[in-house]
Amino acid sequence: MNGGLPDINTAITPVKGWAHCDTIGNQGAYLFSGTGAQLIALNALPQVVGLVAMTDSGIKWAELDGVISVAVRNKINTWLSARGLQTIPAGWTYKRTLLEIYRRFNERFDIDGIFVTDQ
């Protein structure tokens, strides 16, 4: 994070937009919107730890019900371990992982109260 904004150069790694969810120190939790290619490029940045791409399938965030992949869990756990935070165990869903991480930023975080749309 840089001054409350994502620490990304949107001229090099463009996205459609983002929502700042909360902050711990100089770390920001964001929801990003963009094309598949934009989100892949964003997640490839060393300062970004992406969780899961979600689509508008008619079911609100159905992708969150899947079990977190080993590759994503390893990237997240590397970030958590470097900060002395408890890691994510195998078998957790993306939703449980997202809730646990975001609640470390804000204990009152409630994903069900969030509505994000691309317009």
N, C-alpha and C. Protein backbone atom coordinates (compact mmCIF):
# COMPACT_ATOMS: atom_id res chain seq x y z
N MET A 1 0.84 -1.16 0.00
CA MET A 1 0.00 0.00 0.00
C MET A 1 0.89 1.23 0.00
N ASN A 2 0.44 2.27 -0.67
CA ASN A 2 1.18 3.52 -0.70
C ASN A 2 0.17 4.66 -0.56
N GLY A 3 0.15 5.28 0.62
CA GLY A 3 -0.79 6.38 0.85
C GLY A 3 -2.25 5.96 0.77
N GLY A 4 -2.56 4.74 1.16
CA GLY A 4 -3.93 4.24 1.11
C GLY A 4 -4.32 3.62 -0.21
N LEU A 5 -3.46 3.77 -1.21
CA LEU A 5 -3.73 3.20 -2.53
C LEU A 5 -2.93 1.92 -2.73
N PRO A 6 -3.40 1.05 -3.62
CA PRO A 6 -2.61 -0.16 -3.89
C PRO A 6 -1.23 0.22 -4.42
N ASP A 7 -0.23 -0.51 -3.99
CA ASP A 7 1.15 -0.25 -4.42
C ASP A 7 1.41 -0.94 -5.76
N ILE A 8 0.70 -0.44 -6.78
CA ILE A 8 0.87 -0.96 -8.14
C ILE A 8 0.96 0.21 -9.11
N ASN A 9 1.66 0.02 -10.19
CA ASN A 9 1.75 1.01 -11.25
C ASN A 9 0.71 0.64 -12.29
N THR A 10 -0.42 1.33 -12.29
CA THR A 10 -1.51 0.96 -13.19
C THR A 10 -1.20 1.26 -14.66
N ALA A 11 -0.15 2.02 -14.92
CA ALA A 11 0.28 2.22 -16.31
C ALA A 11 0.92 0.94 -16.84
N ILE A 12 1.53 0.17 -15.95
CA ILE A 12 2.19 -1.08 -16.34
C ILE A 12 1.26 -2.27 -16.10
N THR A 13 0.56 -2.25 -14.98
CA THR A 13 -0.35 -3.34 -14.61
C THR A 13 -1.74 -2.73 -14.40
N PRO A 14 -2.47 -2.52 -15.49
CA PRO A 14 -3.79 -1.87 -15.35
C PRO A 14 -4.84 -2.82 -14.76
N VAL A 15 -5.80 -2.25 -14.06
CA VAL A 15 -6.98 -2.95 -13.56
C VAL A 15 -8.17 -2.02 -13.79
N LYS A 16 -9.38 -2.57 -13.72
CA LYS A 16 -10.57 -1.72 -13.89
C LYS A 16 -10.82 -0.87 -12.66
N GLY A 17 -10.58 -1.44 -11.49
CA GLY A 17 -10.81 -0.69 -10.26
C GLY A 17 -10.52 -1.54 -9.04
N TRP A 18 -10.69 -0.92 -7.89
CA TRP A 18 -10.45 -1.64 -6.64
C TRP A 18 -11.26 -1.00 -5.52
N ALA A 19 -11.46 -1.79 -4.47
CA ALA A 19 -12.08 -1.31 -3.24
C ALA A 19 -11.12 -1.62 -2.10
N HIS A 20 -10.79 -0.61 -1.32
CA HIS A 20 -9.91 -0.78 -0.17
C HIS A 20 -10.76 -1.26 1.00
N CYS A 21 -10.48 -2.46 1.48
CA CYS A 21 -11.30 -3.06 2.54
C CYS A 21 -10.80 -2.70 3.93
N ASP A 22 -9.49 -2.71 4.12
CA ASP A 22 -8.95 -2.35 5.44
C ASP A 22 -7.43 -2.34 5.38
N THR A 23 -6.80 -1.96 6.51
CA THR A 23 -5.36 -1.78 6.58
C THR A 23 -4.81 -2.36 7.87
N ILE A 24 -3.64 -3.00 7.77
CA ILE A 24 -2.83 -3.35 8.94
C ILE A 24 -1.45 -2.78 8.66
N GLY A 25 -1.01 -1.83 9.47
CA GLY A 25 0.29 -1.20 9.22
C GLY A 25 0.30 -0.58 7.83
N ASN A 26 1.24 -1.01 6.99
CA ASN A 26 1.31 -0.52 5.62
C ASN A 26 0.81 -1.56 4.62
N GLN A 27 0.04 -2.52 5.10
CA GLN A 27 -0.53 -3.56 4.24
C GLN A 27 -2.01 -3.27 4.04
N GLY A 28 -2.45 -3.32 2.79
CA GLY A 28 -3.86 -3.07 2.49
C GLY A 28 -4.54 -4.33 1.99
N ALA A 29 -5.80 -4.48 2.34
CA ALA A 29 -6.64 -5.56 1.83
C ALA A 29 -7.59 -4.94 0.81
N TYR A 30 -7.56 -5.45 -0.41
CA TYR A 30 -8.33 -4.88 -1.51
C TYR A 30 -9.13 -5.94 -2.24
N LEU A 31 -10.23 -5.53 -2.84
CA LEU A 31 -10.93 -6.30 -3.86
C LEU A 31 -10.65 -5.59 -5.18
N PHE A 32 -10.14 -6.31 -6.16
CA PHE A 32 -9.82 -5.74 -7.47
C PHE A 32 -10.80 -6.23 -8.52
N SER A 33 -11.09 -5.39 -9.50
CA SER A 33 -11.86 -5.82 -10.66
C SER A 33 -10.99 -5.59 -11.90
N GLY A 34 -11.17 -6.47 -12.86
CA GLY A 34 -10.42 -6.36 -14.11
C GLY A 34 -10.66 -7.58 -14.97
N THR A 35 -10.03 -7.59 -16.11
CA THR A 35 -10.12 -8.75 -16.98
C THR A 35 -9.31 -9.88 -16.39
N GLY A 36 -9.51 -11.08 -16.90
CA GLY A 36 -8.73 -12.22 -16.43
C GLY A 36 -7.24 -11.97 -16.58
N ALA A 37 -6.83 -11.44 -17.73
CA ALA A 37 -5.41 -11.16 -17.98
C ALA A 37 -4.87 -10.11 -17.01
N GLN A 38 -5.67 -9.08 -16.73
CA GLN A 38 -5.23 -8.04 -15.79
C GLN A 38 -5.04 -8.61 -14.39
N LEU A 39 -5.95 -9.46 -13.97
CA LEU A 39 -5.84 -10.03 -12.62
C LEU A 39 -4.69 -11.01 -12.51
N ILE A 40 -4.41 -11.74 -13.57
CA ILE A 40 -3.24 -12.64 -13.58
C ILE A 40 -1.95 -11.83 -13.47
N ALA A 41 -1.87 -10.74 -14.22
CA ALA A 41 -0.68 -9.88 -14.16
C ALA A 41 -0.54 -9.24 -12.79
N LEU A 42 -1.65 -8.82 -12.22
CA LEU A 42 -1.64 -8.22 -10.88
C LEU A 42 -1.13 -9.22 -9.84
N ASN A 43 -1.62 -10.43 -9.90
CA ASN A 43 -1.23 -11.46 -8.94
C ASN A 43 0.24 -11.86 -9.10
N ALA A 44 0.81 -11.64 -10.26
CA ALA A 44 2.22 -11.98 -10.49
C ALA A 44 3.17 -10.99 -9.82
N LEU A 45 2.67 -9.83 -9.40
CA LEU A 45 3.53 -8.85 -8.75
C LEU A 45 3.98 -9.37 -7.39
N PRO A 46 5.23 -9.12 -7.02
CA PRO A 46 5.74 -9.66 -5.75
C PRO A 46 5.03 -9.11 -4.52
N GLN A 47 4.49 -7.91 -4.59
CA GLN A 47 3.83 -7.30 -3.43
C GLN A 47 2.34 -7.63 -3.35
N VAL A 48 1.85 -8.47 -4.28
CA VAL A 48 0.43 -8.82 -4.30
C VAL A 48 0.27 -10.30 -3.95
N VAL A 49 -0.68 -10.58 -3.08
CA VAL A 49 -1.03 -11.96 -2.76
C VAL A 49 -2.51 -12.11 -3.08
N GLY A 50 -2.79 -12.62 -4.27
CA GLY A 50 -4.17 -12.79 -4.71
C GLY A 50 -4.76 -14.07 -4.16
N LEU A 51 -6.06 -14.05 -3.93
CA LEU A 51 -6.73 -15.22 -3.38
C LEU A 51 -7.45 -16.01 -4.46
N VAL A 52 -8.45 -15.40 -5.09
CA VAL A 52 -9.25 -16.13 -6.08
C VAL A 52 -9.93 -15.12 -7.00
N ALA A 53 -10.03 -15.49 -8.27
CA ALA A 53 -10.78 -14.68 -9.23
C ALA A 53 -12.23 -15.12 -9.18
N MET A 54 -13.12 -14.14 -9.20
CA MET A 54 -14.55 -14.44 -9.14
C MET A 54 -15.23 -13.86 -10.36
N THR A 55 -16.28 -14.53 -10.80
CA THR A 55 -17.03 -14.08 -11.97
C THR A 55 -18.47 -13.83 -11.58
N ASP A 56 -19.17 -13.15 -12.47
CA ASP A 56 -20.60 -12.91 -12.26
C ASP A 56 -21.36 -14.03 -12.93
N SER A 57 -21.57 -15.11 -12.19
CA SER A 57 -22.21 -16.30 -12.75
C SER A 57 -23.68 -16.38 -12.36
N GLY A 58 -24.20 -15.38 -11.70
CA GLY A 58 -25.57 -15.42 -11.22
C GLY A 58 -25.67 -15.91 -9.79
N ILE A 59 -24.61 -16.57 -9.31
CA ILE A 59 -24.54 -17.02 -7.93
C ILE A 59 -23.45 -16.18 -7.27
N LYS A 60 -23.80 -15.45 -6.21
CA LYS A 60 -22.86 -14.52 -5.61
C LYS A 60 -21.60 -15.24 -5.14
N TRP A 61 -20.51 -15.02 -5.85
CA TRP A 61 -19.18 -15.48 -5.50
C TRP A 61 -19.09 -16.98 -5.28
N ALA A 62 -19.63 -17.74 -6.20
CA ALA A 62 -19.63 -19.20 -6.09
C ALA A 62 -18.21 -19.77 -5.98
N GLU A 63 -17.23 -19.10 -6.58
CA GLU A 63 -15.84 -19.57 -6.54
C GLU A 63 -15.30 -19.68 -5.12
N LEU A 64 -15.87 -18.93 -4.19
CA LEU A 64 -15.38 -18.96 -2.81
C LEU A 64 -15.66 -20.28 -2.11
N ASP A 65 -16.57 -21.08 -2.66
CA ASP A 65 -16.91 -22.36 -2.04
C ASP A 65 -15.88 -23.45 -2.32
N GLY A 66 -15.00 -23.24 -3.30
CA GLY A 66 -13.99 -24.24 -3.62
C GLY A 66 -12.88 -24.30 -2.58
N VAL A 67 -12.21 -25.44 -2.52
CA VAL A 67 -11.08 -25.62 -1.60
C VAL A 67 -9.87 -24.88 -2.18
N ILE A 68 -9.19 -24.14 -1.34
CA ILE A 68 -8.05 -23.33 -1.79
C ILE A 68 -6.97 -24.22 -2.40
N SER A 69 -6.42 -23.76 -3.51
CA SER A 69 -5.39 -24.54 -4.19
C SER A 69 -4.08 -24.51 -3.40
N VAL A 70 -3.26 -25.51 -3.62
CA VAL A 70 -1.97 -25.60 -2.93
C VAL A 70 -1.11 -24.39 -3.27
N ALA A 71 -1.07 -24.00 -4.54
CA ALA A 71 -0.22 -22.87 -4.96
C ALA A 71 -0.64 -21.57 -4.27
N VAL A 72 -1.94 -21.30 -4.22
CA VAL A 72 -2.43 -20.08 -3.58
C VAL A 72 -2.18 -20.14 -2.08
N ARG A 73 -2.46 -21.28 -1.48
CA ARG A 73 -2.24 -21.43 -0.03
C ARG A 73 -0.77 -21.22 0.31
N ASN A 74 0.14 -21.76 -0.51
CA ASN A 74 1.57 -21.58 -0.25
C ASN A 74 1.98 -20.12 -0.33
N LYS A 75 1.46 -19.39 -1.32
CA LYS A 75 1.80 -17.97 -1.45
C LYS A 75 1.27 -17.18 -0.26
N ILE A 76 0.05 -17.46 0.14
CA ILE A 76 -0.54 -16.78 1.30
C ILE A 76 0.22 -17.14 2.57
N ASN A 77 0.54 -18.41 2.75
CA ASN A 77 1.24 -18.84 3.97
C ASN A 77 2.64 -18.26 4.05
N THR A 78 3.30 -18.08 2.92
CA THR A 78 4.62 -17.43 2.91
C THR A 78 4.48 -16.01 3.45
N TRP A 79 3.45 -15.29 2.97
CA TRP A 79 3.20 -13.91 3.41
C TRP A 79 2.86 -13.89 4.90
N LEU A 80 1.97 -14.79 5.34
CA LEU A 80 1.58 -14.83 6.75
C LEU A 80 2.76 -15.18 7.66
N SER A 81 3.53 -16.19 7.28
CA SER A 81 4.68 -16.62 8.08
C SER A 81 5.70 -15.51 8.24
N ALA A 82 5.93 -14.75 7.18
CA ALA A 82 6.90 -13.65 7.22
C ALA A 82 6.49 -12.57 8.21
N ARG A 83 5.21 -12.54 8.57
CA ARG A 83 4.70 -11.54 9.51
C ARG A 83 4.33 -12.15 10.86
N GLY A 84 4.73 -13.41 11.06
CA GLY A 84 4.47 -14.08 12.33
C GLY A 84 3.00 -14.40 12.57
N LEU A 85 2.22 -14.51 11.49
CA LEU A 85 0.79 -14.80 11.61
C LEU A 85 0.52 -16.27 11.36
N GLN A 86 -0.54 -16.77 11.95
CA GLN A 86 -0.93 -18.17 11.79
C GLN A 86 -1.24 -18.47 10.33
N THR A 87 -0.76 -19.61 9.85
CA THR A 87 -0.94 -19.98 8.44
C THR A 87 -2.30 -20.66 8.20
N ILE A 88 -2.62 -20.83 6.93
CA ILE A 88 -3.88 -21.42 6.50
C ILE A 88 -3.66 -22.92 6.27
N PRO A 89 -4.44 -23.77 6.92
CA PRO A 89 -4.27 -25.22 6.74
C PRO A 89 -4.89 -25.71 5.43
N ALA A 90 -4.44 -26.85 4.99
CA ALA A 90 -5.00 -27.49 3.80
C ALA A 90 -6.47 -27.79 4.04
N GLY A 91 -7.26 -27.76 2.98
CA GLY A 91 -8.66 -28.13 3.07
C GLY A 91 -9.62 -26.98 3.30
N TRP A 92 -9.11 -25.79 3.65
CA TRP A 92 -10.00 -24.66 3.83
C TRP A 92 -10.53 -24.19 2.49
N THR A 93 -11.74 -23.65 2.49
CA THR A 93 -12.30 -23.06 1.28
C THR A 93 -11.71 -21.66 1.09
N TYR A 94 -11.89 -21.14 -0.12
CA TYR A 94 -11.46 -19.77 -0.37
C TYR A 94 -12.21 -18.80 0.54
N LYS A 95 -13.50 -19.06 0.78
CA LYS A 95 -14.29 -18.17 1.62
C LYS A 95 -13.76 -18.16 3.06
N ARG A 96 -13.50 -19.33 3.62
CA ARG A 96 -12.99 -19.38 4.99
C ARG A 96 -11.64 -18.68 5.07
N THR A 97 -10.79 -18.91 4.06
CA THR A 97 -9.48 -18.26 4.03
C THR A 97 -9.63 -16.75 3.95
N LEU A 98 -10.49 -16.28 3.06
CA LEU A 98 -10.71 -14.84 2.91
C LEU A 98 -11.20 -14.24 4.21
N LEU A 99 -12.18 -14.89 4.84
CA LEU A 99 -12.72 -14.37 6.10
C LEU A 99 -11.65 -14.32 7.19
N GLU A 100 -10.86 -15.37 7.30
CA GLU A 100 -9.82 -15.40 8.34
C GLU A 100 -8.78 -14.31 8.13
N ILE A 101 -8.37 -14.11 6.89
CA ILE A 101 -7.36 -13.08 6.60
C ILE A 101 -7.95 -11.69 6.81
N TYR A 102 -9.13 -11.43 6.24
CA TYR A 102 -9.72 -10.10 6.36
C TYR A 102 -10.09 -9.78 7.80
N ARG A 103 -10.46 -10.78 8.59
CA ARG A 103 -10.77 -10.52 10.00
C ARG A 103 -9.53 -10.17 10.80
N ARG A 104 -8.36 -10.51 10.27
CA ARG A 104 -7.12 -10.07 10.92
C ARG A 104 -6.92 -8.58 10.68
N PHE A 105 -7.49 -8.08 9.59
CA PHE A 105 -7.47 -6.65 9.32
C PHE A 105 -8.58 -5.94 10.10
N ASN A 106 -9.75 -6.57 10.16
CA ASN A 106 -10.91 -5.96 10.81
C ASN A 106 -11.78 -7.08 11.35
N GLU A 107 -11.86 -7.20 12.66
CA GLU A 107 -12.58 -8.32 13.27
C GLU A 107 -14.07 -8.33 12.95
N ARG A 108 -14.61 -7.20 12.49
CA ARG A 108 -16.03 -7.12 12.14
C ARG A 108 -16.29 -7.32 10.65
N PHE A 109 -15.26 -7.70 9.89
CA PHE A 109 -15.42 -7.88 8.44
C PHE A 109 -16.52 -8.90 8.15
N ASP A 110 -17.41 -8.55 7.22
CA ASP A 110 -18.53 -9.42 6.85
C ASP A 110 -18.67 -9.43 5.34
N ILE A 111 -18.23 -10.50 4.70
CA ILE A 111 -18.29 -10.57 3.25
C ILE A 111 -19.71 -10.56 2.72
N ASP A 112 -20.64 -11.06 3.49
CA ASP A 112 -22.03 -11.12 3.02
C ASP A 112 -22.66 -9.74 2.92
N GLY A 113 -22.07 -8.75 3.55
CA GLY A 113 -22.59 -7.39 3.48
C GLY A 113 -21.97 -6.56 2.37
N ILE A 114 -21.11 -7.17 1.56
CA ILE A 114 -20.41 -6.46 0.48
C ILE A 114 -21.09 -6.73 -0.85
N PHE A 115 -21.24 -5.67 -1.64
CA PHE A 115 -21.75 -5.84 -3.00
C PHE A 115 -20.79 -5.11 -3.94
N VAL A 116 -20.21 -5.84 -4.87
CA VAL A 116 -19.27 -5.25 -5.83
C VAL A 116 -19.78 -5.60 -7.22
N THR A 117 -19.77 -4.63 -8.10
CA THR A 117 -20.20 -4.89 -9.47
C THR A 117 -19.34 -4.09 -10.44
N ASP A 118 -19.18 -4.62 -11.63
CA ASP A 118 -18.51 -3.90 -12.72
C ASP A 118 -19.57 -3.17 -13.50
N GLN A 119 -19.40 -1.87 -13.68
CA GLN A 119 -20.38 -1.12 -14.47
C GLN A 119 -19.70 -0.39 -15.59
